[in-house]
Amino acid sequence: MAPVGQDYESVVRLVGVQKYFGAVHALRDIDIAIGRNEIVGLIGDNGAGKSTLIKVMTGVLAPTAGKIFVRDREVPANDYSVRMAHDLSIETVYQDKSLADKQPLWRNFFVGRQITDRFGFIDIKREKEVARQILLDVIGFRGVGITVDSTVSKLSGGERQGIAIGRAMHYNADLIVLDEPTAALGVAEVRKVIDFVRMIKNSGRACIYIEHNLAHVHEVADRLVVLDRGRIVTEISPKDMTVAELTEFLIALQHKT
């Protein structure tokens, strides 16, 4: 993680990124920068390249060509990995894949990052104390019924996303990537997730928000990046375009040859 106070313009920047899967050109000439403390909505039709783009940005996939910068320093694209991204304070929250259903919350907070005592054993008491602090102070879960011993399967969809986001914030992520966090959620649960997204920004972090529901992303994004067939075609300020106009714009994109 960058030393506190270190100056940089972009948390992550991709320059001239290309990605091929065999003969399929999945990403074309991608130039994108994610600044500190901003919410960037990534939108586009199915197959536009959104998931491929965030996988390159977070170390899941290596680009075929192009450069990756984290905090304005180039990282070797072929060596960039999910673990390196974690070490560089970049976290991804995937829809329904970020938590283990049958495990209690406190175990979920420390998957792969256990707190151990001086003998190398997991310090369960300390992990529960930290998990309790995350629930109360980071996520704001103060209601009755959710404790560090609650199993994930007992939580609603919105609560699960809140836990996953809270975990990312606890690990001091400078950038949190959310991949369709409101998919298959009811209205009240969507509202919870939108509030969590705002909490990311209020804490001084950056967020990439992939979302099919344009109204949700339009509400919280500082800017919208539109992908179409592997290219970034434009950036839009939500202030300049209503949800209805944005919908019409995306439909028109699909009819372009």
Protein backbone atom coordinates (compact mmCIF):
# COMPACT_ATOMS: atom_id res chain seq x y z
CA MET A 1 0.00 0.00 0.00
CA ALA A 2 1.17 3.52 -0.76
CA PRO A 3 2.57 5.43 2.20
CA VAL A 4 0.06 7.78 3.83
CA GLY A 5 0.18 11.17 2.19
CA GLN A 6 1.93 9.97 -0.96
CA ASP A 7 0.65 11.99 -3.86
CA TYR A 8 -0.81 10.41 -6.97
CA GLU A 9 -3.47 11.33 -9.51
CA SER A 10 -4.92 7.94 -10.47
CA VAL A 11 -5.45 4.87 -8.32
CA VAL A 12 -5.37 2.75 -11.49
CA ARG A 13 -4.71 3.72 -15.10
CA LEU A 14 -4.74 1.57 -18.22
CA VAL A 15 -2.98 2.82 -21.36
CA GLY A 16 -3.43 1.27 -24.81
CA VAL A 17 -4.75 -2.00 -23.38
CA GLN A 18 -5.73 -4.75 -25.81
CA LYS A 19 -7.12 -8.15 -24.90
CA TYR A 20 -7.53 -11.05 -27.30
CA PHE A 21 -9.16 -14.41 -26.61
CA GLY A 22 -7.90 -16.30 -29.63
CA ALA A 23 -9.25 -14.39 -32.63
CA VAL A 24 -11.74 -12.43 -30.51
CA HIS A 25 -10.63 -8.86 -29.85
CA ALA A 26 -12.31 -8.35 -26.45
CA LEU A 27 -10.71 -5.02 -25.47
CA ARG A 28 -9.59 -2.42 -28.00
CA ASP A 29 -7.32 0.55 -27.29
CA ILE A 30 -8.48 1.00 -23.71
CA ASP A 31 -7.33 4.21 -22.03
CA ILE A 32 -8.96 4.78 -18.66
CA ALA A 33 -7.92 6.34 -15.36
CA ILE A 34 -9.69 6.01 -12.02
CA GLY A 35 -8.98 9.00 -9.80
CA ARG A 36 -8.92 8.97 -6.04
CA ASN A 37 -12.25 9.41 -4.22
CA GLU A 38 -14.56 9.07 -7.24
CA ILE A 39 -17.29 6.64 -8.25
CA VAL A 40 -16.99 5.56 -11.87
CA GLY A 41 -19.96 3.75 -13.38
CA LEU A 42 -19.01 1.23 -16.08
CA ILE A 43 -21.96 0.64 -18.40
CA GLY A 44 -22.67 -1.07 -21.70
CA ASP A 45 -24.58 -3.97 -23.19
CA ASN A 46 -23.81 -7.65 -22.51
CA GLY A 47 -20.57 -8.51 -24.27
CA ALA A 48 -19.37 -4.90 -24.28
CA GLY A 49 -16.22 -5.87 -22.35
CA LYS A 50 -17.03 -4.59 -18.84
CA SER A 51 -16.09 -7.79 -17.00
CA THR A 52 -12.95 -8.28 -19.09
CA LEU A 53 -11.89 -4.71 -18.37
CA ILE A 54 -12.19 -5.05 -14.60
CA LYS A 55 -10.45 -8.44 -14.70
CA VAL A 56 -7.45 -6.83 -16.40
CA MET A 57 -7.58 -3.91 -13.97
CA THR A 58 -7.64 -6.22 -10.92
CA GLY A 59 -5.05 -8.79 -12.01
CA VAL A 60 -7.37 -11.67 -12.95
CA LEU A 61 -6.43 -11.46 -16.65
CA ALA A 62 -3.19 -10.27 -18.24
CA PRO A 63 -3.63 -7.82 -21.13
CA THR A 64 -2.40 -8.92 -24.55
CA ALA A 65 -0.81 -5.47 -24.95
CA GLY A 66 -0.77 -2.16 -23.13
CA LYS A 67 0.36 -0.76 -19.80
CA ILE A 68 -1.07 -0.80 -16.26
CA PHE A 69 -0.27 1.91 -13.72
CA VAL A 70 -1.19 1.77 -10.02
CA ARG A 71 -0.85 5.10 -8.21
CA ASP A 72 0.96 6.47 -11.28
CA ARG A 73 3.65 3.77 -11.19
CA GLU A 74 3.79 1.17 -13.94
CA VAL A 75 3.36 -2.43 -12.81
CA PRO A 76 4.62 -5.30 -15.01
CA ALA A 77 1.46 -6.39 -16.83
CA ASN A 78 2.47 -10.05 -17.12
CA ASP A 79 3.32 -10.31 -13.42
CA TYR A 80 0.25 -8.41 -12.22
CA SER A 81 -2.02 -10.75 -10.24
CA VAL A 82 -5.00 -10.70 -7.88
CA ARG A 83 -2.60 -11.03 -4.94
CA MET A 84 -0.53 -8.10 -6.20
CA ALA A 85 -3.73 -6.08 -6.64
CA HIS A 86 -4.66 -6.86 -3.01
CA ASP A 87 -1.20 -5.82 -1.89
CA LEU A 88 -1.70 -2.57 -3.84
CA SER A 89 -5.04 -1.99 -2.03
CA ILE A 90 -7.42 -2.94 -4.84
CA GLU A 91 -10.40 -5.12 -3.87
CA THR A 92 -13.21 -6.62 -5.94
CA VAL A 93 -16.67 -7.53 -4.66
CA TYR A 94 -18.35 -10.01 -6.99
CA GLN A 95 -22.09 -10.59 -6.96
CA ASP A 96 -22.88 -13.62 -4.74
CA LYS A 97 -19.31 -14.93 -4.93
CA SER A 98 -17.55 -12.91 -2.27
CA LEU A 99 -18.69 -14.74 0.88
CA ALA A 100 -18.83 -18.36 2.06
CA ASP A 101 -22.48 -19.17 2.82
CA LYS A 102 -21.98 -21.71 5.60
CA GLN A 103 -19.28 -19.80 7.49
CA PRO A 104 -19.88 -17.24 10.26
CA LEU A 105 -19.23 -13.61 9.46
CA TRP A 106 -16.02 -13.36 11.45
CA ARG A 107 -14.44 -16.20 9.42
CA ASN A 108 -15.48 -14.50 6.18
CA PHE A 109 -13.68 -11.31 7.13
CA PHE A 110 -10.33 -13.09 7.41
CA VAL A 111 -10.33 -15.62 4.54
CA GLY A 112 -6.71 -15.87 3.42
CA ARG A 113 -5.68 -13.15 5.88
CA GLN A 114 -5.94 -14.76 9.27
CA ILE A 115 -4.76 -13.04 12.44
CA THR A 116 -2.36 -15.42 14.16
CA ASP A 117 -0.78 -15.52 17.59
CA ARG A 118 2.94 -15.84 18.23
CA PHE A 119 2.71 -19.62 17.84
CA GLY A 120 1.11 -19.36 14.39
CA PHE A 121 -2.38 -20.37 15.51
CA ILE A 122 -5.46 -18.41 14.40
CA ASP A 123 -6.35 -15.88 17.08
CA ILE A 124 -10.11 -16.43 17.11
CA LYS A 125 -10.77 -14.00 19.95
CA ARG A 126 -8.92 -11.18 18.17
CA GLU A 127 -10.59 -11.96 14.84
CA LYS A 128 -14.03 -11.77 16.47
CA GLU A 129 -13.13 -8.46 18.14
CA VAL A 130 -12.02 -6.95 14.81
CA ALA A 131 -15.06 -8.37 12.99
CA ARG A 132 -17.34 -6.83 15.64
CA GLN A 133 -15.66 -3.45 15.14
CA ILE A 134 -16.11 -3.73 11.35
CA LEU A 135 -19.80 -4.55 11.76
CA LEU A 136 -20.41 -1.57 14.04
CA ASP A 137 -18.05 1.14 12.84
CA VAL A 138 -17.34 0.39 9.18
CA ILE A 139 -20.68 -1.03 8.03
CA GLY A 140 -22.96 0.43 10.69
CA PHE A 141 -24.82 -2.82 11.48
CA ARG A 142 -26.24 -1.95 14.89
CA GLY A 143 -29.53 -3.80 14.69
CA VAL A 144 -30.49 -6.90 16.60
CA GLY A 145 -30.01 -10.20 14.83
CA ILE A 146 -26.67 -9.81 13.04
CA THR A 147 -23.58 -10.72 15.03
CA VAL A 148 -20.09 -11.89 14.15
CA ASP A 149 -21.33 -15.46 14.71
CA SER A 150 -24.21 -15.16 12.22
CA THR A 151 -23.81 -17.43 9.21
CA VAL A 152 -23.82 -15.73 5.83
CA SER A 153 -26.76 -17.86 4.65
CA LYS A 154 -28.98 -16.06 7.19
CA LEU A 155 -28.26 -12.61 5.68
CA SER A 156 -30.27 -10.80 3.04
CA GLY A 157 -28.68 -9.95 -0.30
CA GLY A 158 -28.13 -6.32 0.65
CA GLU A 159 -26.58 -7.29 3.97
CA ARG A 160 -24.20 -9.71 2.23
CA GLN A 161 -23.02 -6.97 -0.10
CA GLY A 162 -22.57 -4.67 2.88
CA ILE A 163 -20.38 -7.27 4.60
CA ALA A 164 -18.26 -7.76 1.46
CA ILE A 165 -17.88 -3.99 0.98
CA GLY A 166 -17.08 -3.51 4.66
CA ARG A 167 -14.37 -6.17 4.45
CA ALA A 168 -12.79 -4.38 1.47
CA MET A 169 -12.89 -1.08 3.36
CA HIS A 170 -11.33 -2.69 6.43
CA TYR A 171 -8.37 -3.79 4.31
CA ASN A 172 -7.85 -0.14 3.36
CA ALA A 173 -8.64 -0.60 -0.32
CA ASP A 174 -8.00 2.59 -2.27
CA LEU A 175 -10.17 1.16 -5.06
CA ILE A 176 -13.20 -1.09 -4.59
CA VAL A 177 -14.64 -2.72 -7.71
CA LEU A 178 -18.31 -3.71 -7.49
CA ASP A 179 -19.55 -6.17 -10.11
CA GLU A 180 -23.36 -5.94 -10.35
CA PRO A 181 -23.94 -5.58 -6.59
CA THR A 182 -27.72 -5.03 -6.87
CA ALA A 183 -28.53 -7.91 -9.26
CA ALA A 184 -31.56 -9.92 -8.07
CA LEU A 185 -32.18 -7.69 -5.04
CA GLY A 186 -35.49 -6.19 -3.94
CA VAL A 187 -36.09 -2.45 -3.70
CA ALA A 188 -35.21 -2.12 0.01
CA GLU A 189 -32.04 -4.20 -0.46
CA VAL A 190 -30.96 -2.10 -3.44
CA ARG A 191 -31.28 1.01 -1.26
CA LYS A 192 -28.92 -0.55 1.30
CA VAL A 193 -26.31 -1.28 -1.37
CA ILE A 194 -26.57 2.23 -2.84
CA ASP A 195 -25.94 3.59 0.66
CA PHE A 196 -22.87 1.35 0.98
CA VAL A 197 -21.55 2.68 -2.35
CA ARG A 198 -21.93 6.23 -1.04
CA MET A 199 -20.10 5.15 2.11
CA ILE A 200 -17.11 4.11 -0.04
CA LYS A 201 -16.86 7.61 -1.49
CA ASN A 202 -17.43 9.30 1.86
CA SER A 203 -14.51 7.32 3.28
CA GLY A 204 -12.20 8.82 0.65
CA ARG A 205 -11.92 5.74 -1.56
CA ALA A 206 -12.53 5.23 -5.27
CA CYS A 207 -15.08 2.80 -6.69
CA ILE A 208 -15.78 1.22 -10.07
CA TYR A 209 -19.43 0.25 -10.21
CA ILE A 210 -20.61 -2.17 -12.92
CA GLU A 211 -24.39 -2.16 -13.11
CA HIS A 212 -27.07 -3.18 -15.61
CA ASN A 213 -29.71 -1.05 -13.90
CA LEU A 214 -28.92 2.43 -15.18
CA ALA A 215 -31.02 4.19 -12.55
CA HIS A 216 -28.90 2.70 -9.76
CA VAL A 217 -25.54 3.66 -11.20
CA HIS A 218 -26.80 7.04 -12.44
CA GLU A 219 -27.76 7.93 -8.87
CA VAL A 220 -24.31 7.49 -7.33
CA ALA A 221 -21.68 7.77 -10.09
CA ASP A 222 -19.53 10.87 -10.55
CA ARG A 223 -19.01 9.86 -14.17
CA LEU A 224 -20.17 7.10 -16.48
CA VAL A 225 -17.80 5.27 -18.84
CA VAL A 226 -19.62 3.63 -21.76
CA LEU A 227 -18.20 0.49 -23.37
CA ASP A 228 -19.37 -0.93 -26.67
CA ARG A 229 -17.85 -3.96 -28.37
CA GLY A 230 -14.60 -3.69 -26.44
CA ARG A 231 -14.07 0.05 -26.86
CA ILE A 232 -14.65 3.01 -24.58
CA VAL A 233 -16.96 5.09 -26.75
CA THR A 234 -17.63 8.02 -24.42
CA GLU A 235 -17.72 9.36 -20.87
CA ILE A 236 -20.87 11.02 -19.55
CA SER A 237 -21.60 13.10 -16.47
CA PRO A 238 -24.88 11.98 -14.88
CA LYS A 239 -25.72 15.67 -14.50
CA ASP A 240 -25.75 16.03 -18.31
CA MET A 241 -28.02 13.11 -19.18
CA THR A 242 -31.18 11.71 -17.57
CA VAL A 243 -31.68 7.97 -17.10
CA ALA A 244 -34.18 7.98 -19.98
CA GLU A 245 -31.72 9.78 -22.27
CA LEU A 246 -28.93 7.41 -21.21
CA THR A 247 -31.15 4.42 -22.03
CA GLU A 248 -31.91 5.81 -25.49
CA PHE A 249 -28.21 6.49 -26.06
CA LEU A 250 -27.26 2.87 -25.26
CA ILE A 251 -30.05 1.50 -27.45
CA ALA A 252 -28.85 3.67 -30.33
CA LEU A 253 -25.30 2.32 -29.82
CA GLN A 254 -26.55 -1.23 -30.39
CA HIS A 255 -27.98 -0.31 -33.76
CA LYS A 256 -24.73 1.18 -35.05
CA THR A 257 -22.83 -1.06 -37.40
